[in-house]
Amino acid sequence: MPTKMDHPRELFLHELGDLLYAENMLVKTLPKLANEATDTELREGFELHLEETKQHAANLEEVFQAIGEKPKAEK
């Protein structure tokens, strides 16, 4: 059963954590996809997406810090 969230801040933190988890999963997965790609353009696309995704994760961590919370990825 899902956890009940009584305050909008709780929901906000949960959603931030969910986004951080997803970005971190992409950071782990994209290098594998790039290594397996046989097409140069596709491989470069995965590599570019990886760099963008790393920046997204860093941005989310900055949001956590800006609101005085420890970054916590939530599955």
PDB file of N, CA and C in Angstrom:
ATOM      1  N   MET A   1       0.847  -1.179   0.000  1.00  0.00           N
ATOM      2  CA  MET A   1       0.000   0.000   0.000  1.00  0.00           C
ATOM      3  C   MET A   1       0.890   1.239   0.000  1.00  0.00           C
ATOM      4  N   PRO A   2       0.581   2.217  -0.852  1.00  0.00           N
ATOM      5  CA  PRO A   2       1.381   3.440  -0.923  1.00  0.00           C
ATOM      6  C   PRO A   2       1.362   4.205   0.402  1.00  0.00           C
ATOM      7  N   THR A   3       2.456   4.923   0.644  1.00  0.00           N
ATOM      8  CA  THR A   3       2.549   5.753   1.830  1.00  0.00           C
ATOM      9  C   THR A   3       1.656   6.970   1.666  1.00  0.00           C
ATOM     10  N   LYS A   4       0.894   7.290   2.727  1.00  0.00           N
ATOM     11  CA  LYS A   4       0.039   8.470   2.690  1.00  0.00           C
ATOM     12  C   LYS A   4       0.892   9.709   2.929  1.00  0.00           C
ATOM     13  N   MET A   5       0.702  10.707   2.103  1.00  0.00           N
ATOM     14  CA  MET A   5       1.432  11.962   2.232  1.00  0.00           C
ATOM     15  C   MET A   5       0.432  13.045   2.596  1.00  0.00           C
ATOM     16  N   ASP A   6       0.602  13.604   3.786  1.00  0.00           N
ATOM     17  CA  ASP A   6      -0.350  14.584   4.293  1.00  0.00           C
ATOM     18  C   ASP A   6      -0.002  16.022   3.949  1.00  0.00           C
ATOM     19  N   HIS A   7       1.182  16.237   3.467  1.00  0.00           N
ATOM     20  CA  HIS A   7       1.626  17.612   3.230  1.00  0.00           C
ATOM     21  C   HIS A   7       2.187  17.713   1.808  1.00  0.00           C
ATOM     22  N   PRO A   8       1.909  18.809   1.107  1.00  0.00           N
ATOM     23  CA  PRO A   8       2.435  18.964  -0.257  1.00  0.00           C
ATOM     24  C   PRO A   8       3.963  18.833  -0.335  1.00  0.00           C
ATOM     25  N   ARG A   9       4.673  19.257   0.714  1.00  0.00           N
ATOM     26  CA  ARG A   9       6.137  19.134   0.715  1.00  0.00           C
ATOM     27  C   ARG A   9       6.564  17.667   0.634  1.00  0.00           C
ATOM     28  N   GLU A  10       5.842  16.802   1.339  1.00  0.00           N
ATOM     29  CA  GLU A  10       6.156  15.372   1.292  1.00  0.00           C
ATOM     30  C   GLU A  10       6.023  14.842  -0.139  1.00  0.00           C
ATOM     31  N   LEU A  11       4.958  15.235  -0.803  1.00  0.00           N
ATOM     32  CA  LEU A  11       4.741  14.816  -2.189  1.00  0.00           C
ATOM     33  C   LEU A  11       5.839  15.373  -3.090  1.00  0.00           C
ATOM     34  N   PHE A  12       6.178  16.641  -2.882  1.00  0.00           N
ATOM     35  CA  PHE A  12       7.237  17.278  -3.663  1.00  0.00           C
ATOM     36  C   PHE A  12       8.560  16.534  -3.495  1.00  0.00           C
ATOM     37  N   LEU A  13       8.930  16.221  -2.256  1.00  0.00           N
ATOM     38  CA  LEU A  13      10.184  15.492  -2.000  1.00  0.00           C
ATOM     39  C   LEU A  13      10.146  14.100  -2.620  1.00  0.00           C
ATOM     40  N   HIS A  14       8.991  13.458  -2.527  1.00  0.00           N
ATOM     41  CA  HIS A  14       8.854  12.122  -3.126  1.00  0.00           C
ATOM     42  C   HIS A  14       9.041  12.189  -4.641  1.00  0.00           C
ATOM     43  N   GLU A  15       8.407  13.182  -5.262  1.00  0.00           N
ATOM     44  CA  GLU A  15       8.523  13.326  -6.714  1.00  0.00           C
ATOM     45  C   GLU A  15       9.959  13.663  -7.127  1.00  0.00           C
ATOM     46  N   LEU A  16      10.618  14.529  -6.369  1.00  0.00           N
ATOM     47  CA  LEU A  16      12.030  14.826  -6.658  1.00  0.00           C
ATOM     48  C   LEU A  16      12.873  13.565  -6.554  1.00  0.00           C
ATOM     49  N   GLY A  17      12.621  12.780  -5.511  1.00  0.00           N
ATOM     50  CA  GLY A  17      13.357  11.537  -5.324  1.00  0.00           C
ATOM     51  C   GLY A  17      13.106  10.544  -6.444  1.00  0.00           C
ATOM     52  N   ASP A  18      11.865  10.500  -6.913  1.00  0.00           N
ATOM     53  CA  ASP A  18      11.505   9.618  -8.017  1.00  0.00           C
ATOM     54  C   ASP A  18      12.240  10.030  -9.293  1.00  0.00           C
ATOM     55  N   LEU A  19      12.282  11.330  -9.552  1.00  0.00           N
ATOM     56  CA  LEU A  19      13.016  11.835 -10.718  1.00  0.00           C
ATOM     57  C   LEU A  19      14.509  11.539 -10.612  1.00  0.00           C
ATOM     58  N   LEU A  20      15.068  11.727  -9.414  1.00  0.00           N
ATOM     59  CA  LEU A  20      16.494  11.457  -9.213  1.00  0.00           C
ATOM     60  C   LEU A  20      16.798   9.981  -9.450  1.00  0.00           C
ATOM     61  N   TYR A  21      15.937   9.107  -8.977  1.00  0.00           N
ATOM     62  CA  TYR A  21      16.113   7.668  -9.196  1.00  0.00           C
ATOM     63  C   TYR A  21      16.120   7.357 -10.695  1.00  0.00           C
ATOM     64  N   ALA A  22      15.159   7.919 -11.411  1.00  0.00           N
ATOM     65  CA  ALA A  22      15.064   7.653 -12.855  1.00  0.00           C
ATOM     66  C   ALA A  22      16.306   8.163 -13.587  1.00  0.00           C
ATOM     67  N   GLU A  23      16.752   9.366 -13.249  1.00  0.00           N
ATOM     68  CA  GLU A  23      17.947   9.913 -13.906  1.00  0.00           C
ATOM     69  C   GLU A  23      19.167   9.056 -13.597  1.00  0.00           C
ATOM     70  N   ASN A  24      19.300   8.616 -12.346  1.00  0.00           N
ATOM     71  CA  ASN A  24      20.441   7.767 -11.979  1.00  0.00           C
ATOM     72  C   ASN A  24      20.407   6.428 -12.708  1.00  0.00           C
ATOM     73  N   MET A  25      19.211   5.881 -12.909  1.00  0.00           N
ATOM     74  CA  MET A  25      19.099   4.624 -13.661  1.00  0.00           C
ATOM     75  C   MET A  25      19.548   4.826 -15.109  1.00  0.00           C
ATOM     76  N   LEU A  26      19.197   5.962 -15.682  1.00  0.00           N
ATOM     77  CA  LEU A  26      19.638   6.264 -17.045  1.00  0.00           C
ATOM     78  C   LEU A  26      21.159   6.434 -17.111  1.00  0.00           C
ATOM     79  N   VAL A  27      21.730   7.072 -16.102  1.00  0.00           N
ATOM     80  CA  VAL A  27      23.188   7.252 -16.060  1.00  0.00           C
ATOM     81  C   VAL A  27      23.887   5.893 -16.048  1.00  0.00           C
ATOM     82  N   LYS A  28      23.282   4.902 -15.399  1.00  0.00           N
ATOM     83  CA  LYS A  28      23.863   3.558 -15.368  1.00  0.00           C
ATOM     84  C   LYS A  28      23.656   2.812 -16.690  1.00  0.00           C
ATOM     85  N   THR A  29      22.510   3.035 -17.312  1.00  0.00           N
ATOM     86  CA  THR A  29      22.115   2.247 -18.485  1.00  0.00           C
ATOM     87  C   THR A  29      22.659   2.786 -19.805  1.00  0.00           C
ATOM     88  N   LEU A  30      22.712   4.098 -19.959  1.00  0.00           N
ATOM     89  CA  LEU A  30      23.109   4.679 -21.247  1.00  0.00           C
ATOM     90  C   LEU A  30      24.511   4.264 -21.709  1.00  0.00           C
ATOM     91  N   PRO A  31      25.517   4.157 -20.820  1.00  0.00           N
ATOM     92  CA  PRO A  31      26.820   3.693 -21.314  1.00  0.00           C
ATOM     93  C   PRO A  31      26.762   2.275 -21.891  1.00  0.00           C
ATOM     94  N   LYS A  32      25.953   1.421 -21.299  1.00  0.00           N
ATOM     95  CA  LYS A  32      25.799   0.055 -21.813  1.00  0.00           C
ATOM     96  C   LYS A  32      25.163   0.078 -23.204  1.00  0.00           C
ATOM     97  N   LEU A  33      24.147   0.921 -23.353  1.00  0.00           N
ATOM     98  CA  LEU A  33      23.495   1.034 -24.662  1.00  0.00           C
ATOM     99  C   LEU A  33      24.460   1.583 -25.703  1.00  0.00           C
ATOM    100  N   ALA A  34      25.259   2.578 -25.308  1.00  0.00           N
ATOM    101  CA  ALA A  34      26.231   3.154 -26.241  1.00  0.00           C
ATOM    102  C   ALA A  34      27.259   2.106 -26.669  1.00  0.00           C
ATOM    103  N   ASN A  35      27.706   1.297 -25.724  1.00  0.00           N
ATOM    104  CA  ASN A  35      28.705   0.266 -26.047  1.00  0.00           C
ATOM    105  C   ASN A  35      28.145  -0.798 -26.983  1.00  0.00           C
ATOM    106  N   GLU A  36      26.859  -1.065 -26.865  1.00  0.00           N
ATOM    107  CA  GLU A  36      26.240  -2.099 -27.688  1.00  0.00           C
ATOM    108  C   GLU A  36      25.766  -1.587 -29.046  1.00  0.00           C
ATOM    109  N   ALA A  37      25.705  -0.283 -29.212  1.00  0.00           N
ATOM    110  CA  ALA A  37      25.220   0.287 -30.470  1.00  0.00           C
ATOM    111  C   ALA A  37      26.224   0.014 -31.584  1.00  0.00           C
ATOM    112  N   THR A  38      25.717  -0.454 -32.702  1.00  0.00           N
ATOM    113  CA  THR A  38      26.583  -0.725 -33.844  1.00  0.00           C
ATOM    114  C   THR A  38      26.621   0.449 -34.814  1.00  0.00           C
ATOM    115  N   ASP A  39      25.657   1.335 -34.693  1.00  0.00           N
ATOM    116  CA  ASP A  39      25.592   2.511 -35.552  1.00  0.00           C
ATOM    117  C   ASP A  39      26.270   3.688 -34.839  1.00  0.00           C
ATOM    118  N   THR A  40      27.192   4.345 -35.522  1.00  0.00           N
ATOM    119  CA  THR A  40      27.944   5.452 -34.935  1.00  0.00           C
ATOM    120  C   THR A  40      27.039   6.585 -34.481  1.00  0.00           C
ATOM    121  N   GLU A  41      26.070   6.938 -35.301  1.00  0.00           N
ATOM    122  CA  GLU A  41      25.169   8.040 -34.944  1.00  0.00           C
ATOM    123  C   GLU A  41      24.339   7.699 -33.700  1.00  0.00           C
ATOM    124  N   LEU A  42      23.899   6.463 -33.612  1.00  0.00           N
ATOM    125  CA  LEU A  42      23.142   6.017 -32.450  1.00  0.00           C
ATOM    126  C   LEU A  42      24.018   6.047 -31.199  1.00  0.00           C
ATOM    127  N   ARG A  43      25.243   5.546 -31.311  1.00  0.00           N
ATOM    128  CA  ARG A  43      26.180   5.554 -30.178  1.00  0.00           C
ATOM    129  C   ARG A  43      26.421   6.985 -29.703  1.00  0.00           C
ATOM    130  N   GLU A  44      26.648   7.896 -30.639  1.00  0.00           N
ATOM    131  CA  GLU A  44      26.872   9.296 -30.280  1.00  0.00           C
ATOM    132  C   GLU A  44      25.634   9.905 -29.622  1.00  0.00           C
ATOM    133  N   GLY A  45      24.461   9.505 -30.082  1.00  0.00           N
ATOM    134  CA  GLY A  45      23.219   9.972 -29.474  1.00  0.00           C
ATOM    135  C   GLY A  45      23.096   9.516 -28.026  1.00  0.00           C
ATOM    136  N   PHE A  46      23.434   8.250 -27.771  1.00  0.00           N
ATOM    137  CA  PHE A  46      23.421   7.743 -26.394  1.00  0.00           C
ATOM    138  C   PHE A  46      24.435   8.498 -25.530  1.00  0.00           C
ATOM    139  N   GLU A  47      25.603   8.758 -26.076  1.00  0.00           N
ATOM    140  CA  GLU A  47      26.642   9.460 -25.318  1.00  0.00           C
ATOM    141  C   GLU A  47      26.228  10.896 -25.004  1.00  0.00           C
ATOM    142  N   LEU A  48      25.615  11.555 -25.958  1.00  0.00           N
ATOM    143  CA  LEU A  48      25.123  12.915 -25.730  1.00  0.00           C
ATOM    144  C   LEU A  48      24.012  12.910 -24.680  1.00  0.00           C
ATOM    145  N   HIS A  49      23.115  11.960 -24.808  1.00  0.00           N
ATOM    146  CA  HIS A  49      22.016  11.847 -23.849  1.00  0.00           C
ATOM    147  C   HIS A  49      22.553  11.578 -22.444  1.00  0.00           C
ATOM    148  N   LEU A  50      23.620  10.791 -22.347  1.00  0.00           N
ATOM    149  CA  LEU A  50      24.243  10.505 -21.058  1.00  0.00           C
ATOM    150  C   LEU A  50      24.730  11.793 -20.400  1.00  0.00           C
ATOM    151  N   GLU A  51      25.401  12.640 -21.150  1.00  0.00           N
ATOM    152  CA  GLU A  51      25.909  13.894 -20.582  1.00  0.00           C
ATOM    153  C   GLU A  51      24.758  14.792 -20.130  1.00  0.00           C
ATOM    154  N   GLU A  52      23.708  14.846 -20.929  1.00  0.00           N
ATOM    155  CA  GLU A  52      22.540  15.641 -20.546  1.00  0.00           C
ATOM    156  C   GLU A  52      21.885  15.084 -19.283  1.00  0.00           C
ATOM    157  N   THR A  53      21.803  13.769 -19.197  1.00  0.00           N
ATOM    158  CA  THR A  53      21.183  13.113 -18.051  1.00  0.00           C
ATOM    159  C   THR A  53      22.003  13.333 -16.783  1.00  0.00           C
ATOM    160  N   LYS A  54      23.312  13.306 -16.896  1.00  0.00           N
ATOM    161  CA  LYS A  54      24.167  13.597 -15.731  1.00  0.00           C
ATOM    162  C   LYS A  54      23.884  15.006 -15.222  1.00  0.00           C
ATOM    163  N   GLN A  55      23.683  15.944 -16.138  1.00  0.00           N
ATOM    164  CA  GLN A  55      23.384  17.317 -15.728  1.00  0.00           C
ATOM    165  C   GLN A  55      22.003  17.395 -15.068  1.00  0.00           C
ATOM    166  N   HIS A  56      21.046  16.626 -15.571  1.00  0.00           N
ATOM    167  CA  HIS A  56      19.717  16.603 -14.951  1.00  0.00           C
ATOM    168  C   HIS A  56      19.807  16.103 -13.515  1.00  0.00           C
ATOM    169  N   ALA A  57      20.580  15.040 -13.296  1.00  0.00           N
ATOM    170  CA  ALA A  57      20.745  14.499 -11.945  1.00  0.00           C
ATOM    171  C   ALA A  57      21.415  15.530 -11.042  1.00  0.00           C
ATOM    172  N   ALA A  58      22.418  16.213 -11.548  1.00  0.00           N
ATOM    173  CA  ALA A  58      23.098  17.249 -10.764  1.00  0.00           C
ATOM    174  C   ALA A  58      22.131  18.387 -10.430  1.00  0.00           C
ATOM    175  N   ASN A  59      21.285  18.760 -11.373  1.00  0.00           N
ATOM    176  CA  ASN A  59      20.294  19.811 -11.131  1.00  0.00           C
ATOM    177  C   ASN A  59      19.322  19.398 -10.027  1.00  0.00           C
ATOM    178  N   LEU A  60      18.880  18.160 -10.056  1.00  0.00           N
ATOM    179  CA  LEU A  60      17.974  17.673  -9.016  1.00  0.00           C
ATOM    180  C   LEU A  60      18.649  17.691  -7.648  1.00  0.00           C
ATOM    181  N   GLU A  61      19.913  17.314  -7.598  1.00  0.00           N
ATOM    182  CA  GLU A  61      20.644  17.353  -6.335  1.00  0.00           C
ATOM    183  C   GLU A  61      20.748  18.788  -5.824  1.00  0.00           C
ATOM    184  N   GLU A  62      20.918  19.737  -6.724  1.00  0.00           N
ATOM    185  CA  GLU A  62      20.955  21.150  -6.333  1.00  0.00           C
ATOM    186  C   GLU A  62      19.609  21.599  -5.767  1.00  0.00           C
ATOM    187  N   VAL A  63      18.518  21.108  -6.334  1.00  0.00           N
ATOM    188  CA  VAL A  63      17.194  21.460  -5.816  1.00  0.00           C
ATOM    189  C   VAL A  63      17.053  20.940  -4.388  1.00  0.00           C
ATOM    190  N   PHE A  64      17.450  19.697  -4.158  1.00  0.00           N
ATOM    191  CA  PHE A  64      17.405  19.152  -2.804  1.00  0.00           C
ATOM    192  C   PHE A  64      18.193  20.043  -1.843  1.00  0.00           C
ATOM    193  N   GLN A  65      19.395  20.417  -2.230  1.00  0.00           N
ATOM    194  CA  GLN A  65      20.228  21.255  -1.376  1.00  0.00           C
ATOM    195  C   GLN A  65      19.596  22.622  -1.160  1.00  0.00           C
ATOM    196  N   ALA A  66      18.992  23.180  -2.181  1.00  0.00           N
ATOM    197  CA  ALA A  66      18.384  24.511  -2.086  1.00  0.00           C
ATOM    198  C   ALA A  66      17.226  24.542  -1.091  1.00  0.00           C
ATOM    199  N   ILE A  67      16.554  23.416  -0.921  1.00  0.00           N
ATOM    200  CA  ILE A  67      15.437  23.375   0.026  1.00  0.00           C
ATOM    201  C   ILE A  67      15.850  22.740   1.354  1.00  0.00           C
ATOM    202  N   GLY A  68      17.159  22.538   1.515  1.00  0.00           N
ATOM    203  CA  GLY A  68      17.670  22.043   2.792  1.00  0.00           C
ATOM    204  C   GLY A  68      17.430  20.561   3.044  1.00  0.00           C
ATOM    205  N   GLU A  69      17.361  19.790   1.988  1.00  0.00           N
ATOM    206  CA  GLU A  69      17.148  18.358   2.112  1.00  0.00           C
ATOM    207  C   GLU A  69      18.323  17.578   1.531  1.00  0.00           C
ATOM    208  N   LYS A  70      18.566  16.400   2.071  1.00  0.00           N
ATOM    209  CA  LYS A  70      19.600  15.528   1.527  1.00  0.00           C
ATOM    210  C   LYS A  70      19.035  14.833   0.287  1.00  0.00           C
ATOM    211  N   PRO A  71      19.795  14.810  -0.819  1.00  0.00           N
ATOM    212  CA  PRO A  71      19.300  14.118  -2.018  1.00  0.00           C
ATOM    213  C   PRO A  71      19.017  12.645  -1.720  1.00  0.00           C
ATOM    214  N   LYS A  72      17.821  12.217  -2.033  1.00  0.00           N
ATOM    215  CA  LYS A  72      17.420  10.830  -1.775  1.00  0.00           C
ATOM    216  C   LYS A  72      16.623  10.316  -2.968  1.00  0.00           C
ATOM    217  N   ALA A  73      17.205   9.362  -3.679  1.00  0.00           N
ATOM    218  CA  ALA A  73      16.513   8.759  -4.823  1.00  0.00           C
ATOM    219  C   ALA A  73      15.482   7.756  -4.294  1.00  0.00           C
ATOM    220  N   GLU A  74      14.283   7.796  -4.839  1.00  0.00           N
ATOM    221  CA  GLU A  74      13.213   6.898  -4.421  1.00  0.00           C
ATOM    222  C   GLU A  74      12.715   6.086  -5.602  1.00  0.00           C
ATOM    223  N   LYS A  75      12.745   4.779  -5.423  1.00  0.00           N
ATOM    224  CA  LYS A  75      12.295   3.875  -6.481  1.00  0.00           C
ATOM    225  C   LYS A  75      10.784   3.922  -6.587  1.00  0.00           C
TER     226      LYS A  75
END
